[in-house]
PDB file of N, CA and C in Angstrom:
ATOM      1  N   MET A   1      21.090 -22.839  -2.268  1.00  0.00           N
ATOM      2  CA  MET A   1      20.193 -22.013  -2.008  1.00  0.00           C
ATOM      3  C   MET A   1      20.636 -20.505  -2.150  1.00  0.00           C
ATOM      4  N   ARG A   2      21.966 -20.830  -0.983  1.00  0.00           N
ATOM      5  CA  ARG A   2      22.436 -19.627  -0.857  1.00  0.00           C
ATOM      6  C   ARG A   2      23.441 -18.611  -1.541  1.00  0.00           C
ATOM      7  N   THR A   3      23.182 -19.263  -2.758  1.00  0.00           N
ATOM      8  CA  THR A   3      24.801 -18.725  -3.424  1.00  0.00           C
ATOM      9  C   THR A   3      23.637 -18.222  -4.728  1.00  0.00           C
ATOM     10  N   PRO A   4      24.189 -17.133  -4.607  1.00  0.00           N
ATOM     11  CA  PRO A   4      22.742 -16.054  -6.770  1.00  0.00           C
ATOM     12  C   PRO A   4      23.632 -17.158  -7.480  1.00  0.00           C
ATOM     13  N   GLU A   5      22.410 -17.314  -8.437  1.00  0.00           N
ATOM     14  CA  GLU A   5      22.932 -17.543  -9.663  1.00  0.00           C
ATOM     15  C   GLU A   5      23.319 -19.154  -9.835  1.00  0.00           C
ATOM     16  N   SER A   6      22.978 -19.416  -8.634  1.00  0.00           N
ATOM     17  CA  SER A   6      23.659 -21.247  -8.570  1.00  0.00           C
ATOM     18  C   SER A   6      22.997 -22.265  -8.582  1.00  0.00           C
ATOM     19  N   HIS A   7      21.438 -22.507  -8.972  1.00  0.00           N
ATOM     20  CA  HIS A   7      20.492 -22.921  -9.595  1.00  0.00           C
ATOM     21  C   HIS A   7      19.381 -22.528 -10.428  1.00  0.00           C
ATOM     22  N   ASN A   8      19.531 -22.987 -10.945  1.00  0.00           N
ATOM     23  CA  ASN A   8      17.978 -23.282 -12.071  1.00  0.00           C
ATOM     24  C   ASN A   8      16.228 -23.085 -11.623  1.00  0.00           C
ATOM     25  N   ASP A   9      15.852 -22.940 -10.445  1.00  0.00           N
ATOM     26  CA  ASP A   9      14.383 -23.903  -9.980  1.00  0.00           C
ATOM     27  C   ASP A   9      13.865 -22.074 -10.303  1.00  0.00           C
ATOM     28  N   VAL A  10      12.710 -22.875 -10.372  1.00  0.00           N
ATOM     29  CA  VAL A  10      11.685 -21.565 -11.338  1.00  0.00           C
ATOM     30  C   VAL A  10      11.164 -21.186 -10.121  1.00  0.00           C
ATOM     31  N   TYR A  11      10.955 -21.983  -9.136  1.00  0.00           N
ATOM     32  CA  TYR A  11      10.053 -22.224  -7.882  1.00  0.00           C
ATOM     33  C   TYR A  11      10.227 -22.150  -6.759  1.00  0.00           C
ATOM     34  N   ALA A  12      10.882 -21.081  -5.434  1.00  0.00           N
ATOM     35  CA  ALA A  12      10.909 -21.336  -4.517  1.00  0.00           C
ATOM     36  C   ALA A  12       9.671 -21.387  -3.785  1.00  0.00           C
ATOM     37  N   PRO A  13       9.044 -22.017  -2.329  1.00  0.00           N
ATOM     38  CA  PRO A  13       8.055 -21.077  -1.556  1.00  0.00           C
ATOM     39  C   PRO A  13       8.324 -19.559  -1.023  1.00  0.00           C
ATOM     40  N   LYS A  14       7.212 -18.985  -0.787  1.00  0.00           N
ATOM     41  CA  LYS A  14       8.042 -17.873   0.054  1.00  0.00           C
ATOM     42  C   LYS A  14       8.310 -18.252   1.580  1.00  0.00           C
ATOM     43  N   ALA A  15       8.056 -18.794   1.875  1.00  0.00           N
ATOM     44  CA  ALA A  15       8.944 -19.487   3.360  1.00  0.00           C
ATOM     45  C   ALA A  15       9.865 -19.681   3.199  1.00  0.00           C
ATOM     46  N   HIS A  16      10.189 -20.470   2.040  1.00  0.00           N
ATOM     47  CA  HIS A  16      11.889 -20.637   1.680  1.00  0.00           C
ATOM     48  C   HIS A  16      12.883 -19.197   1.159  1.00  0.00           C
ATOM     49  N   LYS A  17      11.419 -18.266   0.543  1.00  0.00           N
ATOM     50  CA  LYS A  17      11.759 -16.930   0.061  1.00  0.00           C
ATOM     51  C   LYS A  17      12.577 -16.058   1.440  1.00  0.00           C
ATOM     52  N   HIS A  18      11.586 -16.027   2.757  1.00  0.00           N
ATOM     53  CA  HIS A  18      12.154 -15.801   3.471  1.00  0.00           C
ATOM     54  C   HIS A  18      13.059 -15.959   4.799  1.00  0.00           C
ATOM     55  N   PHE A  19      13.106 -17.373   4.893  1.00  0.00           N
ATOM     56  CA  PHE A  19      13.862 -17.948   5.221  1.00  0.00           C
ATOM     57  C   PHE A  19      15.589 -17.524   4.953  1.00  0.00           C
ATOM     58  N   PHE A  20      15.464 -17.487   3.562  1.00  0.00           N
ATOM     59  CA  PHE A  20      17.280 -17.510   2.847  1.00  0.00           C
ATOM     60  C   PHE A  20      17.293 -15.589   3.139  1.00  0.00           C
ATOM     61  N   LYS A  21      16.228 -14.698   3.436  1.00  0.00           N
ATOM     62  CA  LYS A  21      16.809 -13.225   3.489  1.00  0.00           C
ATOM     63  C   LYS A  21      17.228 -13.587   4.282  1.00  0.00           C
ATOM     64  N   CYS A  22      16.272 -13.497   5.364  1.00  0.00           N
ATOM     65  CA  CYS A  22      16.635 -13.650   6.581  1.00  0.00           C
ATOM     66  C   CYS A  22      18.283 -13.284   6.820  1.00  0.00           C
ATOM     67  N   LEU A  23      18.328 -15.224   6.564  1.00  0.00           N
ATOM     68  CA  LEU A  23      19.707 -15.716   6.816  1.00  0.00           C
ATOM     69  C   LEU A  23      20.987 -15.412   6.177  1.00  0.00           C
ATOM     70  N   VAL A  24      21.129 -14.740   4.813  1.00  0.00           N
ATOM     71  CA  VAL A  24      22.064 -14.060   4.166  1.00  0.00           C
ATOM     72  C   VAL A  24      22.402 -12.568   4.350  1.00  0.00           C
ATOM     73  N   PHE A  25      20.974 -12.013   3.719  1.00  0.00           N
ATOM     74  CA  PHE A  25      20.476 -10.881   3.619  1.00  0.00           C
ATOM     75  C   PHE A  25      20.816  -9.821   5.329  1.00  0.00           C
ATOM     76  N   ASP A  26      19.888 -10.156   5.982  1.00  0.00           N
ATOM     77  CA  ASP A  26      19.907  -9.786   7.546  1.00  0.00           C
ATOM     78  C   ASP A  26      20.835 -10.505   8.221  1.00  0.00           C
ATOM     79  N   LYS A  27      21.207 -11.591   8.354  1.00  0.00           N
ATOM     80  CA  LYS A  27      22.404 -12.299   9.285  1.00  0.00           C
ATOM     81  C   LYS A  27      21.493 -11.994  10.283  1.00  0.00           C
ATOM     82  N   LEU A  28      20.674 -13.049  10.951  1.00  0.00           N
ATOM     83  CA  LEU A  28      20.392 -13.401  11.304  1.00  0.00           C
ATOM     84  C   LEU A  28      20.418 -15.190  11.198  1.00  0.00           C
ATOM     85  N   ALA A  29      20.167 -15.604  12.896  1.00  0.00           N
ATOM     86  CA  ALA A  29      20.317 -16.773  13.046  1.00  0.00           C
ATOM     87  C   ALA A  29      19.181 -17.477  12.848  1.00  0.00           C
ATOM     88  N   PRO A  30      19.609 -18.651  12.507  1.00  0.00           N
ATOM     89  CA  PRO A  30      18.367 -19.880  11.554  1.00  0.00           C
ATOM     90  C   PRO A  30      17.412 -19.682  12.178  1.00  0.00           C
ATOM     91  N   VAL A  31      17.624 -19.720  13.650  1.00  0.00           N
ATOM     92  CA  VAL A  31      16.005 -20.053  14.774  1.00  0.00           C
ATOM     93  C   VAL A  31      15.144 -18.912  14.476  1.00  0.00           C
ATOM     94  N   ASP A  32      16.321 -17.391  14.033  1.00  0.00           N
ATOM     95  CA  ASP A  32      15.539 -16.402  14.148  1.00  0.00           C
ATOM     96  C   ASP A  32      14.345 -15.899  12.906  1.00  0.00           C
ATOM     97  N   CYS A  33      14.650 -16.945  11.672  1.00  0.00           N
ATOM     98  CA  CYS A  33      14.502 -16.615  10.491  1.00  0.00           C
ATOM     99  C   CYS A  33      13.438 -17.169   9.826  1.00  0.00           C
ATOM    100  N   ARG A  34      12.564 -17.513  10.767  1.00  0.00           N
ATOM    101  CA  ARG A  34      11.210 -17.909  10.798  1.00  0.00           C
ATOM    102  C   ARG A  34      10.036 -16.509  10.146  1.00  0.00           C
ATOM    103  N   SER A  35       8.768 -16.854   9.333  1.00  0.00           N
ATOM    104  CA  SER A  35       8.188 -15.933   9.102  1.00  0.00           C
ATOM    105  C   SER A  35       6.848 -16.311   9.403  1.00  0.00           C
ATOM    106  N   ASP A  36       5.996 -14.800  10.140  1.00  0.00           N
ATOM    107  CA  ASP A  36       5.325 -15.288  11.137  1.00  0.00           C
ATOM    108  C   ASP A  36       3.477 -15.145   9.808  1.00  0.00           C
ATOM    109  N   ASP A  37       4.457 -14.819   8.281  1.00  0.00           N
ATOM    110  CA  ASP A  37       2.936 -15.034   7.574  1.00  0.00           C
ATOM    111  C   ASP A  37       2.449 -16.220   7.351  1.00  0.00           C
ATOM    112  N   PRO A  38       1.132 -15.625   7.338  1.00  0.00           N
ATOM    113  CA  PRO A  38       0.229 -17.129   7.357  1.00  0.00           C
ATOM    114  C   PRO A  38      -0.138 -17.146   5.643  1.00  0.00           C
ATOM    115  N   GLY A  39       0.271 -16.291   4.691  1.00  0.00           N
ATOM    116  CA  GLY A  39       0.479 -16.299   3.120  1.00  0.00           C
ATOM    117  C   GLY A  39       1.480 -17.577   2.843  1.00  0.00           C
ATOM    118  N   ALA A  40       2.241 -17.849   3.925  1.00  0.00           N
ATOM    119  CA  ALA A  40       4.126 -18.141   3.725  1.00  0.00           C
ATOM    120  C   ALA A  40       3.975 -19.731   2.850  1.00  0.00           C
ATOM    121  N   VAL A  41       2.482 -20.348   3.364  1.00  0.00           N
ATOM    122  CA  VAL A  41       2.168 -21.122   3.250  1.00  0.00           C
ATOM    123  C   VAL A  41       1.876 -21.104   1.530  1.00  0.00           C
ATOM    124  N   ASP A  42       2.350 -21.833   0.332  1.00  0.00           N
ATOM    125  CA  ASP A  42       1.175 -21.526  -0.682  1.00  0.00           C
ATOM    126  C   ASP A  42       0.911 -22.818  -0.743  1.00  0.00           C
ATOM    127  N   GLY A  43       0.060 -22.538  -1.475  1.00  0.00           N
ATOM    128  CA  GLY A  43      -1.293 -24.040  -1.753  1.00  0.00           C
ATOM    129  C   GLY A  43      -0.115 -24.608  -3.248  1.00  0.00           C
ATOM    130  N   ILE A  44       0.414 -24.504  -4.037  1.00  0.00           N
ATOM    131  CA  ILE A  44       1.574 -25.150  -4.553  1.00  0.00           C
ATOM    132  C   ILE A  44       1.989 -25.879  -3.970  1.00  0.00           C
ATOM    133  N   ASP A  45       2.867 -25.851  -2.946  1.00  0.00           N
ATOM    134  CA  ASP A  45       3.062 -26.774  -2.173  1.00  0.00           C
ATOM    135  C   ASP A  45       2.643 -28.288  -1.663  1.00  0.00           C
ATOM    136  N   ALA A  46       1.319 -28.169  -1.778  1.00  0.00           N
ATOM    137  CA  ALA A  46       0.292 -29.075  -1.673  1.00  0.00           C
ATOM    138  C   ALA A  46       0.752 -30.434  -2.679  1.00  0.00           C
ATOM    139  N   LEU A  47       0.912 -30.205  -3.802  1.00  0.00           N
ATOM    140  CA  LEU A  47       1.178 -31.039  -5.188  1.00  0.00           C
ATOM    141  C   LEU A  47       2.512 -31.693  -4.761  1.00  0.00           C
ATOM    142  N   THR A  48       3.278 -31.556  -3.959  1.00  0.00           N
ATOM    143  CA  THR A  48       4.375 -32.196  -3.654  1.00  0.00           C
ATOM    144  C   THR A  48       4.570 -33.003  -3.402  1.00  0.00           C
ATOM    145  N   VAL A  49       3.268 -33.268  -2.582  1.00  0.00           N
ATOM    146  CA  VAL A  49       2.699 -34.943  -2.273  1.00  0.00           C
ATOM    147  C   VAL A  49       1.835 -35.063  -2.847  1.00  0.00           C
ATOM    148  N   THR A  50       0.501 -34.221  -3.308  1.00  0.00           N
ATOM    149  CA  THR A  50      -0.622 -34.809  -3.861  1.00  0.00           C
ATOM    150  C   THR A  50      -0.311 -35.464  -4.893  1.00  0.00           C
ATOM    151  N   LEU A  51       0.745 -34.490  -5.870  1.00  0.00           N
ATOM    152  CA  LEU A  51       0.618 -35.432  -7.140  1.00  0.00           C
ATOM    153  C   LEU A  51       1.500 -36.640  -7.224  1.00  0.00           C
ATOM    154  N   PRO A  52       1.845 -36.998  -6.912  1.00  0.00           N
ATOM    155  CA  PRO A  52       2.617 -37.818  -6.440  1.00  0.00           C
ATOM    156  C   PRO A  52       1.432 -39.527  -6.110  1.00  0.00           C
ATOM    157  N   VAL A  53       0.975 -39.282  -5.358  1.00  0.00           N
ATOM    158  CA  VAL A  53       0.198 -40.187  -4.884  1.00  0.00           C
ATOM    159  C   VAL A  53      -1.406 -40.407  -5.792  1.00  0.00           C
ATOM    160  N   ILE A  54      -1.709 -39.578  -6.334  1.00  0.00           N
ATOM    161  CA  ILE A  54      -2.036 -39.429  -7.701  1.00  0.00           C
ATOM    162  C   ILE A  54      -1.793 -40.578  -8.493  1.00  0.00           C
ATOM    163  N   ILE A  55      -0.816 -40.136  -9.277  1.00  0.00           N
ATOM    164  CA  ILE A  55      -0.630 -40.689 -10.053  1.00  0.00           C
ATOM    165  C   ILE A  55      -0.132 -42.231  -9.605  1.00  0.00           C
ATOM    166  N   ARG A  56       0.267 -42.599  -8.671  1.00  0.00           N
ATOM    167  CA  ARG A  56       0.502 -44.202  -7.726  1.00  0.00           C
ATOM    168  C   ARG A  56      -0.960 -44.711  -8.299  1.00  0.00           C
ATOM    169  N   TYR A  57      -1.947 -44.228  -7.705  1.00  0.00           N
ATOM    170  CA  TYR A  57      -3.083 -44.929  -7.077  1.00  0.00           C
ATOM    171  C   TYR A  57      -3.828 -44.663  -8.763  1.00  0.00           C
ATOM    172  N   SER A  58      -3.655 -44.090  -9.797  1.00  0.00           N
ATOM    173  CA  SER A  58      -4.282 -43.625 -10.926  1.00  0.00           C
ATOM    174  C   SER A  58      -5.281 -45.041 -11.625  1.00  0.00           C
ATOM    175  N   GLU A  59      -3.986 -46.261 -11.596  1.00  0.00           N
ATOM    176  CA  GLU A  59      -3.993 -47.637 -12.022  1.00  0.00           C
ATOM    177  C   GLU A  59      -4.818 -48.263 -11.170  1.00  0.00           C
ATOM    178  N   VAL A  60      -5.232 -48.083 -10.313  1.00  0.00           N
ATOM    179  CA  VAL A  60      -5.727 -48.775  -9.236  1.00  0.00           C
ATOM    180  C   VAL A  60      -7.084 -49.838  -9.753  1.00  0.00           C
ATOM    181  N   ASN A  61      -6.841 -50.669  -9.468  1.00  0.00           N
ATOM    182  CA  ASN A  61      -8.840 -51.281 -10.223  1.00  0.00           C
ATOM    183  C   ASN A  61      -9.884 -50.644  -9.091  1.00  0.00           C
ATOM    184  N   ARG A  62     -10.307 -49.918  -9.618  1.00  0.00           N
ATOM    185  CA  ARG A  62     -11.791 -49.476  -8.320  1.00  0.00           C
ATOM    186  C   ARG A  62     -12.595 -49.974  -8.058  1.00  0.00           C
ATOM    187  N   ASP A  63     -12.902 -51.741  -8.663  1.00  0.00           N
ATOM    188  CA  ASP A  63     -14.113 -52.405  -8.171  1.00  0.00           C
ATOM    189  C   ASP A  63     -13.950 -52.566  -6.717  1.00  0.00           C
ATOM    190  N   LEU A  64     -14.822 -52.281  -6.152  1.00  0.00           N
ATOM    191  CA  LEU A  64     -14.351 -52.440  -4.809  1.00  0.00           C
ATOM    192  C   LEU A  64     -15.284 -53.700  -3.980  1.00  0.00           C
ATOM    193  N   ARG A  65     -15.549 -54.063  -5.278  1.00  0.00           N
ATOM    194  CA  ARG A  65     -17.007 -55.040  -4.627  1.00  0.00           C
ATOM    195  C   ARG A  65     -15.626 -56.575  -4.319  1.00  0.00           C
ATOM    196  N   ASN A  66     -14.846 -56.230  -5.034  1.00  0.00           N
ATOM    197  CA  ASN A  66     -14.100 -57.938  -4.482  1.00  0.00           C
ATOM    198  C   ASN A  66     -12.871 -57.330  -3.508  1.00  0.00           C
TER     199      ASN A  66
END
């Protein structure tokens, strides 16, 4: 992710963008690249965990009486 034009990702979370901006362009140490922006955690990030769980259990028998 640090090399321009080296990957075809269409989405990178705001927190990752900020981290690599600080690391590469601002030449800060990794420990100093933390974002204080509360909006840096995008809602779409939750789908990386939620979607596989939904798919995994989508075909589970929903009859809880047994």
